[in-house]
Amino acid sequence: MQFAQLPLIYAAVPGSLIFFVVLGIVTFLIIITFTIYYLYKIISSQERRRFTGAEAIINSVGTASQRIDVNGSGFIAIDGVSWEVINTGSVTLEKYDTAIVTGRKGVVLLVKKYEQKK
């Protein structure tokens, strides 16, 4: 009995098929892992709202650069930047008092004296 000779393409080294199957599975798992990771990052970044511009400064705390009467205007420094403000609180802000931004009116910020909770 004579066996037919297999074409050269099927005469692979024993075990090479297993190697390529394992390599394919590992590659697939790596691609799936990165895809899941990046989808997680994209979804989690959309959950929290980020503010930029004037909205980012609301609830920030700054230091009065001068005395600011009730409903008066003046300047406070927030993160080293001087802002024009209107004191909407019920207490006059003295120089170096701490103030919190409660809102804005155009480019002018609305502030009141910051009372630290104990």
N, C-alpha and C. Protein backbone atom coordinates (compact mmCIF):
# COMPACT_ATOMS: atom_id res chain seq x y z
N MET A 1 0.84 -1.15 0.00
CA MET A 1 0.00 0.00 0.00
C MET A 1 0.89 1.22 0.00
N GLN A 2 0.53 2.12 -0.87
CA GLN A 2 1.31 3.33 -1.00
C GLN A 2 0.48 4.52 -0.51
N PHE A 3 1.14 5.37 0.24
CA PHE A 3 0.47 6.58 0.73
C PHE A 3 0.74 7.71 -0.23
N ALA A 4 -0.28 8.50 -0.42
CA ALA A 4 -0.11 9.65 -1.32
C ALA A 4 0.72 10.70 -0.60
N GLN A 5 1.55 11.34 -1.33
CA GLN A 5 2.38 12.39 -0.73
C GLN A 5 1.52 13.64 -0.56
N LEU A 6 1.62 14.22 0.62
CA LEU A 6 0.89 15.45 0.89
C LEU A 6 1.62 16.63 0.27
N PRO A 7 0.90 17.62 -0.18
CA PRO A 7 1.57 18.80 -0.70
C PRO A 7 2.41 19.45 0.39
N LEU A 8 3.37 20.26 0.02
CA LEU A 8 4.31 20.87 0.95
C LEU A 8 3.61 21.77 1.96
N ILE A 9 2.50 22.35 1.59
CA ILE A 9 1.80 23.26 2.50
C ILE A 9 1.28 22.54 3.74
N TYR A 10 0.95 21.28 3.64
CA TYR A 10 0.45 20.53 4.78
C TYR A 10 1.55 19.85 5.56
N ALA A 11 2.75 19.93 5.08
CA ALA A 11 3.86 19.26 5.75
C ALA A 11 4.49 20.18 6.78
N ALA A 12 3.68 20.74 7.66
CA ALA A 12 4.18 21.67 8.68
C ALA A 12 4.85 20.88 9.79
N VAL A 13 5.67 21.60 10.51
CA VAL A 13 6.34 20.99 11.65
C VAL A 13 5.30 20.72 12.71
N PRO A 14 5.32 19.53 13.31
CA PRO A 14 4.32 19.23 14.34
C PRO A 14 4.41 20.25 15.48
N GLY A 15 3.26 20.76 15.92
CA GLY A 15 3.21 21.74 17.00
C GLY A 15 3.10 23.16 16.51
N SER A 16 3.42 23.42 15.25
CA SER A 16 3.35 24.79 14.76
C SER A 16 1.90 25.27 14.69
N LEU A 17 0.97 24.38 14.44
CA LEU A 17 -0.44 24.75 14.42
C LEU A 17 -0.88 25.19 15.81
N ILE A 18 -0.45 24.46 16.80
CA ILE A 18 -0.77 24.83 18.19
C ILE A 18 -0.17 26.19 18.52
N PHE A 19 1.05 26.44 18.06
CA PHE A 19 1.71 27.73 18.31
C PHE A 19 0.89 28.87 17.73
N PHE A 20 0.44 28.72 16.47
CA PHE A 20 -0.31 29.79 15.83
C PHE A 20 -1.70 29.97 16.43
N VAL A 21 -2.30 28.90 16.89
CA VAL A 21 -3.61 29.01 17.56
C VAL A 21 -3.44 29.77 18.88
N VAL A 22 -2.42 29.41 19.65
CA VAL A 22 -2.16 30.09 20.93
C VAL A 22 -1.81 31.55 20.67
N LEU A 23 -0.99 31.83 19.67
CA LEU A 23 -0.61 33.20 19.33
C LEU A 23 -1.86 34.01 18.93
N GLY A 24 -2.74 33.43 18.17
CA GLY A 24 -3.98 34.10 17.78
C GLY A 24 -4.87 34.41 18.97
N ILE A 25 -4.99 33.45 19.91
CA ILE A 25 -5.81 33.65 21.11
C ILE A 25 -5.22 34.76 21.97
N VAL A 26 -3.91 34.74 22.17
CA VAL A 26 -3.25 35.77 22.99
C VAL A 26 -3.43 37.14 22.35
N THR A 27 -3.24 37.24 21.05
CA THR A 27 -3.42 38.51 20.34
C THR A 27 -4.86 39.00 20.49
N PHE A 28 -5.81 38.12 20.33
CA PHE A 28 -7.22 38.46 20.48
C PHE A 28 -7.51 38.98 21.88
N LEU A 29 -6.98 38.32 22.90
CA LEU A 29 -7.21 38.74 24.28
C LEU A 29 -6.58 40.11 24.56
N ILE A 30 -5.42 40.37 24.01
CA ILE A 30 -4.77 41.68 24.20
C ILE A 30 -5.61 42.78 23.54
N ILE A 31 -6.09 42.53 22.34
CA ILE A 31 -6.92 43.52 21.65
C ILE A 31 -8.21 43.78 22.42
N ILE A 32 -8.86 42.74 22.89
CA ILE A 32 -10.09 42.89 23.67
C ILE A 32 -9.83 43.66 24.95
N THR A 33 -8.71 43.37 25.63
CA THR A 33 -8.37 44.06 26.88
C THR A 33 -8.20 45.55 26.65
N PHE A 34 -7.44 45.94 25.64
CA PHE A 34 -7.25 47.36 25.34
C PHE A 34 -8.55 48.03 24.93
N THR A 35 -9.37 47.33 24.17
CA THR A 35 -10.65 47.89 23.74
C THR A 35 -11.55 48.16 24.94
N ILE A 36 -11.65 47.22 25.85
CA ILE A 36 -12.47 47.39 27.05
C ILE A 36 -11.92 48.52 27.91
N TYR A 37 -10.60 48.59 28.05
CA TYR A 37 -9.98 49.65 28.86
C TYR A 37 -10.30 51.02 28.29
N TYR A 38 -10.13 51.22 26.98
CA TYR A 38 -10.39 52.52 26.38
C TYR A 38 -11.88 52.87 26.38
N LEU A 39 -12.75 51.90 26.20
CA LEU A 39 -14.18 52.16 26.32
C LEU A 39 -14.54 52.60 27.74
N TYR A 40 -13.94 51.95 28.74
CA TYR A 40 -14.16 52.33 30.13
C TYR A 40 -13.71 53.78 30.36
N LYS A 41 -12.54 54.14 29.85
CA LYS A 41 -12.04 55.50 30.02
C LYS A 41 -12.94 56.52 29.35
N ILE A 42 -13.42 56.21 28.16
CA ILE A 42 -14.29 57.14 27.44
C ILE A 42 -15.61 57.32 28.20
N ILE A 43 -16.19 56.23 28.64
CA ILE A 43 -17.48 56.31 29.35
C ILE A 43 -17.32 57.03 30.69
N SER A 44 -16.26 56.73 31.44
CA SER A 44 -16.08 57.38 32.74
C SER A 44 -15.76 58.86 32.60
N SER A 45 -15.14 59.28 31.51
CA SER A 45 -14.86 60.70 31.33
C SER A 45 -16.12 61.47 30.99
N GLN A 46 -17.13 60.81 30.47
CA GLN A 46 -18.38 61.48 30.12
C GLN A 46 -19.32 61.61 31.31
N GLU A 47 -19.09 60.86 32.37
CA GLU A 47 -19.99 60.85 33.52
C GLU A 47 -19.92 62.14 34.31
N ARG A 48 -18.74 62.69 34.52
CA ARG A 48 -18.63 63.90 35.32
C ARG A 48 -18.55 65.11 34.40
N ARG A 49 -19.22 66.15 34.80
CA ARG A 49 -19.26 67.36 33.99
C ARG A 49 -18.08 68.23 34.35
N ARG A 50 -17.34 68.63 33.36
CA ARG A 50 -16.20 69.50 33.59
C ARG A 50 -16.57 70.90 33.16
N PHE A 51 -16.18 71.83 33.99
CA PHE A 51 -16.46 73.22 33.70
C PHE A 51 -15.19 73.91 33.23
N THR A 52 -15.36 74.78 32.28
CA THR A 52 -14.26 75.61 31.83
C THR A 52 -14.74 77.04 31.76
N GLY A 53 -13.82 77.96 31.70
CA GLY A 53 -14.19 79.37 31.62
C GLY A 53 -14.73 79.89 32.93
N ALA A 54 -15.74 80.74 32.84
CA ALA A 54 -16.28 81.40 34.02
C ALA A 54 -16.94 80.42 34.99
N GLU A 55 -17.55 79.35 34.48
CA GLU A 55 -18.21 78.39 35.35
C GLU A 55 -17.22 77.65 36.24
N ALA A 56 -15.99 77.54 35.80
CA ALA A 56 -14.98 76.81 36.58
C ALA A 56 -14.60 77.56 37.83
N ILE A 57 -14.83 78.84 37.88
CA ILE A 57 -14.38 79.64 39.01
C ILE A 57 -15.43 79.74 40.12
N ILE A 58 -16.68 79.34 39.82
CA ILE A 58 -17.73 79.38 40.84
C ILE A 58 -17.37 78.39 41.95
N ASN A 59 -17.55 78.80 43.18
CA ASN A 59 -17.20 78.07 44.41
C ASN A 59 -15.70 78.09 44.69
N SER A 60 -14.94 78.90 43.94
CA SER A 60 -13.52 79.07 44.25
C SER A 60 -13.38 80.08 45.38
N VAL A 61 -12.27 79.98 46.07
CA VAL A 61 -12.00 80.87 47.20
C VAL A 61 -10.84 81.78 46.84
N GLY A 62 -10.98 83.07 47.16
CA GLY A 62 -9.93 84.04 46.86
C GLY A 62 -9.72 84.98 48.03
N THR A 63 -8.74 85.87 47.89
CA THR A 63 -8.38 86.83 48.93
C THR A 63 -8.67 88.24 48.44
N ALA A 64 -9.35 89.02 49.28
CA ALA A 64 -9.69 90.39 48.91
C ALA A 64 -8.43 91.24 48.82
N SER A 65 -8.30 92.01 47.75
CA SER A 65 -7.14 92.88 47.55
C SER A 65 -7.37 94.25 48.17
N GLN A 66 -8.61 94.54 48.54
CA GLN A 66 -8.96 95.83 49.11
C GLN A 66 -10.25 95.66 49.90
N ARG A 67 -10.67 96.71 50.58
CA ARG A 67 -11.93 96.67 51.32
C ARG A 67 -13.07 96.74 50.31
N ILE A 68 -14.06 95.84 50.48
CA ILE A 68 -15.21 95.81 49.57
C ILE A 68 -16.48 95.88 50.41
N ASP A 69 -17.22 96.99 50.27
CA ASP A 69 -18.46 97.16 51.03
C ASP A 69 -19.54 96.23 50.50
N VAL A 70 -20.63 96.09 51.28
CA VAL A 70 -21.77 95.29 50.85
C VAL A 70 -22.35 95.93 49.58
N ASN A 71 -22.58 95.14 48.57
CA ASN A 71 -23.04 95.56 47.23
C ASN A 71 -22.05 96.49 46.54
N GLY A 72 -20.84 96.56 47.04
CA GLY A 72 -19.80 97.35 46.41
C GLY A 72 -18.93 96.49 45.53
N SER A 73 -18.12 97.13 44.71
CA SER A 73 -17.24 96.37 43.83
C SER A 73 -15.79 96.56 44.26
N GLY A 74 -14.98 95.60 43.89
CA GLY A 74 -13.56 95.64 44.22
C GLY A 74 -12.86 94.51 43.49
N PHE A 75 -11.71 94.11 44.01
CA PHE A 75 -10.93 93.06 43.38
C PHE A 75 -10.51 92.01 44.40
N ILE A 76 -10.53 90.75 43.97
CA ILE A 76 -9.97 89.67 44.77
C ILE A 76 -9.01 88.87 43.89
N ALA A 77 -8.09 88.18 44.54
CA ALA A 77 -7.13 87.34 43.81
C ALA A 77 -7.52 85.87 44.00
N ILE A 78 -7.69 85.18 42.89
CA ILE A 78 -7.98 83.75 42.91
C ILE A 78 -6.89 83.06 42.10
N ASP A 79 -6.14 82.20 42.76
CA ASP A 79 -5.02 81.50 42.12
C ASP A 79 -4.05 82.48 41.47
N GLY A 80 -3.85 83.62 42.10
CA GLY A 80 -2.89 84.60 41.61
C GLY A 80 -3.41 85.51 40.52
N VAL A 81 -4.68 85.36 40.14
CA VAL A 81 -5.28 86.19 39.11
C VAL A 81 -6.27 87.14 39.77
N SER A 82 -6.18 88.43 39.44
CA SER A 82 -7.05 89.44 40.02
C SER A 82 -8.36 89.50 39.23
N TRP A 83 -9.49 89.45 39.97
CA TRP A 83 -10.82 89.47 39.36
C TRP A 83 -11.62 90.63 39.94
N GLU A 84 -12.41 91.27 39.09
CA GLU A 84 -13.33 92.29 39.58
C GLU A 84 -14.55 91.58 40.16
N VAL A 85 -14.99 92.03 41.33
CA VAL A 85 -16.08 91.35 42.03
C VAL A 85 -17.09 92.35 42.57
N ILE A 86 -18.26 91.83 42.88
CA ILE A 86 -19.28 92.56 43.61
C ILE A 86 -19.58 91.75 44.86
N ASN A 87 -19.55 92.40 46.02
CA ASN A 87 -19.82 91.74 47.30
C ASN A 87 -21.33 91.62 47.48
N THR A 88 -21.88 90.42 47.32
CA THR A 88 -23.32 90.20 47.48
C THR A 88 -23.66 89.69 48.87
N GLY A 89 -22.67 89.55 49.72
CA GLY A 89 -22.91 89.07 51.08
C GLY A 89 -23.47 90.16 51.97
N SER A 90 -23.68 89.82 53.24
CA SER A 90 -24.24 90.77 54.20
C SER A 90 -23.16 91.41 55.07
N VAL A 91 -21.89 91.06 54.80
CA VAL A 91 -20.77 91.55 55.59
C VAL A 91 -19.75 92.22 54.67
N THR A 92 -19.18 93.32 55.12
CA THR A 92 -18.13 93.99 54.36
C THR A 92 -16.88 93.13 54.35
N LEU A 93 -16.24 93.04 53.20
CA LEU A 93 -14.98 92.30 53.09
C LEU A 93 -13.83 93.28 53.35
N GLU A 94 -13.01 92.96 54.31
CA GLU A 94 -11.82 93.76 54.58
C GLU A 94 -10.68 93.23 53.73
N LYS A 95 -9.62 94.03 53.62
CA LYS A 95 -8.44 93.60 52.86
C LYS A 95 -7.90 92.31 53.48
N TYR A 96 -7.54 91.36 52.66
CA TYR A 96 -7.01 90.04 53.01
C TYR A 96 -8.07 89.08 53.57
N ASP A 97 -9.34 89.48 53.57
CA ASP A 97 -10.39 88.52 53.96
C ASP A 97 -10.56 87.49 52.85
N THR A 98 -11.03 86.32 53.25
CA THR A 98 -11.27 85.25 52.28
C THR A 98 -12.71 85.35 51.79
N ALA A 99 -12.89 85.23 50.47
CA ALA A 99 -14.22 85.31 49.87
C ALA A 99 -14.44 84.11 48.96
N ILE A 100 -15.70 83.72 48.84
CA ILE A 100 -16.06 82.61 47.96
C ILE A 100 -16.92 83.14 46.82
N VAL A 101 -16.68 82.64 45.64
CA VAL A 101 -17.43 83.07 44.45
C VAL A 101 -18.76 82.32 44.42
N THR A 102 -19.86 83.09 44.36
CA THR A 102 -21.19 82.48 44.36
C THR A 102 -21.85 82.52 42.99
N GLY A 103 -21.32 83.32 42.08
CA GLY A 103 -21.90 83.41 40.74
C GLY A 103 -21.12 84.42 39.92
N ARG A 104 -21.73 84.81 38.79
CA ARG A 104 -21.08 85.80 37.94
C ARG A 104 -22.12 86.62 37.22
N LYS A 105 -21.75 87.79 36.85
CA LYS A 105 -22.61 88.70 36.10
C LYS A 105 -21.74 89.27 35.00
N GLY A 106 -21.81 88.66 33.82
CA GLY A 106 -20.88 89.02 32.75
C GLY A 106 -19.49 88.54 33.12
N VAL A 107 -18.52 89.46 33.13
CA VAL A 107 -17.16 89.08 33.53
C VAL A 107 -16.88 89.45 34.98
N VAL A 108 -17.88 89.98 35.68
CA VAL A 108 -17.73 90.35 37.08
C VAL A 108 -18.23 89.20 37.95
N LEU A 109 -17.44 88.83 38.95
CA LEU A 109 -17.82 87.73 39.83
C LEU A 109 -18.63 88.25 41.01
N LEU A 110 -19.55 87.43 41.50
CA LEU A 110 -20.33 87.74 42.69
C LEU A 110 -19.75 86.93 43.84
N VAL A 111 -19.41 87.62 44.95
CA VAL A 111 -18.74 86.94 46.07
C VAL A 111 -19.42 87.29 47.39
N LYS A 112 -19.10 86.49 48.38
CA LYS A 112 -19.48 86.80 49.75
C LYS A 112 -18.36 86.30 50.65
N LYS A 113 -18.37 86.75 51.90
CA LYS A 113 -17.30 86.37 52.82
C LYS A 113 -17.37 84.86 53.06
N TYR A 114 -16.21 84.25 53.06
CA TYR A 114 -16.12 82.79 53.25
C TYR A 114 -15.99 82.49 54.73
N GLU A 115 -16.95 81.74 55.23
CA GLU A 115 -16.94 81.33 56.63
C GLU A 115 -16.51 79.87 56.69
N GLN A 116 -15.35 79.63 57.26
CA GLN A 116 -14.85 78.25 57.34
C GLN A 116 -15.65 77.49 58.38
N LYS A 117 -16.08 76.30 58.01
CA LYS A 117 -16.84 75.45 58.92
C LYS A 117 -15.88 74.72 59.83
N LYS A 118 -16.26 74.61 61.08
CA LYS A 118 -15.37 73.97 62.07
C LYS A 118 -15.77 72.56 62.34
